[in-house]
Amino acid sequence: MAINEKLLEILACPLCKTEVKLTVDEQGLKCVKCHRVYPIRDDIPVMLIDEATIEPDRPVKD
């Protein structure tokens, strides 16, 4: 199951409050500003700063 588009529109990075986008592999949500990738586990985004990784080169879906 993919992340609901309406949910994706309202989610933001908890650190810098910027838009997040779904990664190409659909396993995370990446902040467009600080490049943190928040994991998606069991179709639920884990929007905790401590759970995020910083991945500047990880591609996102447009």
Protein backbone atom coordinates (compact mmCIF):
# COMPACT_ATOMS: atom_id res chain seq x y z
CA MET A 1 0.00 0.00 0.00
CA ALA A 2 1.36 3.41 -0.94
CA ILE A 3 1.22 6.57 1.14
CA ASN A 4 -2.03 8.46 0.57
CA GLU A 5 -1.47 11.55 -1.61
CA LYS A 6 -3.55 13.75 0.72
CA LEU A 7 -1.42 12.68 3.69
CA LEU A 8 1.77 13.34 1.74
CA GLU A 9 0.56 16.89 0.99
CA ILE A 10 0.21 17.78 4.68
CA LEU A 11 3.31 16.06 6.08
CA ALA A 12 6.39 18.18 6.74
CA CYS A 13 9.86 17.60 8.14
CA PRO A 14 9.60 17.88 11.94
CA LEU A 15 13.03 19.56 12.09
CA CYS A 16 12.86 22.31 9.47
CA LYS A 17 9.11 22.26 8.65
CA THR A 18 9.77 21.84 4.91
CA GLU A 19 7.98 19.62 2.39
CA VAL A 20 8.81 15.91 2.27
CA LYS A 21 8.67 13.75 -0.84
CA LEU A 22 8.38 10.01 -1.27
CA THR A 23 11.66 8.31 -2.17
CA VAL A 24 11.85 6.41 -5.46
CA ASP A 25 11.87 3.05 -3.64
CA GLU A 26 8.84 4.19 -1.56
CA GLN A 27 10.64 3.19 1.64
CA GLY A 28 10.96 6.71 3.06
CA LEU A 29 10.01 10.36 2.98
CA LYS A 30 12.82 12.79 2.21
CA CYS A 31 12.94 16.42 3.29
CA VAL A 32 13.69 18.65 0.32
CA LYS A 33 15.69 21.09 2.49
CA CYS A 34 17.71 19.19 5.10
CA HIS A 35 17.83 15.85 3.18
CA ARG A 36 16.68 13.76 6.14
CA VAL A 37 14.94 10.55 5.12
CA TYR A 38 12.18 9.39 7.46
CA PRO A 39 11.46 5.65 7.18
CA ILE A 40 8.09 4.15 6.30
CA ARG A 41 7.33 1.04 8.37
CA ASP A 42 4.21 -1.04 7.78
CA ASP A 43 2.85 1.77 5.56
CA ILE A 44 3.23 4.30 8.41
CA PRO A 45 5.68 7.22 8.10
CA VAL A 46 7.95 7.44 11.15
CA MET A 47 8.40 11.21 11.42
CA LEU A 48 10.85 11.19 14.33
CA ILE A 49 14.10 13.12 13.96
CA ASP A 50 16.02 10.40 15.83
CA GLU A 51 14.82 7.78 13.32
CA ALA A 52 15.84 9.78 10.23
CA THR A 53 19.02 9.40 8.22
CA ILE A 54 20.68 12.15 6.18
CA GLU A 55 20.98 11.11 2.53
CA PRO A 56 21.63 14.02 0.13
CA ASP A 57 21.95 11.74 -2.92
CA ARG A 58 18.81 9.63 -2.44
CA PRO A 59 16.37 10.35 -5.31
CA VAL A 60 12.70 11.28 -4.75
CA LYS A 61 9.58 10.96 -6.85
CA ASP A 62 8.33 14.10 -8.55
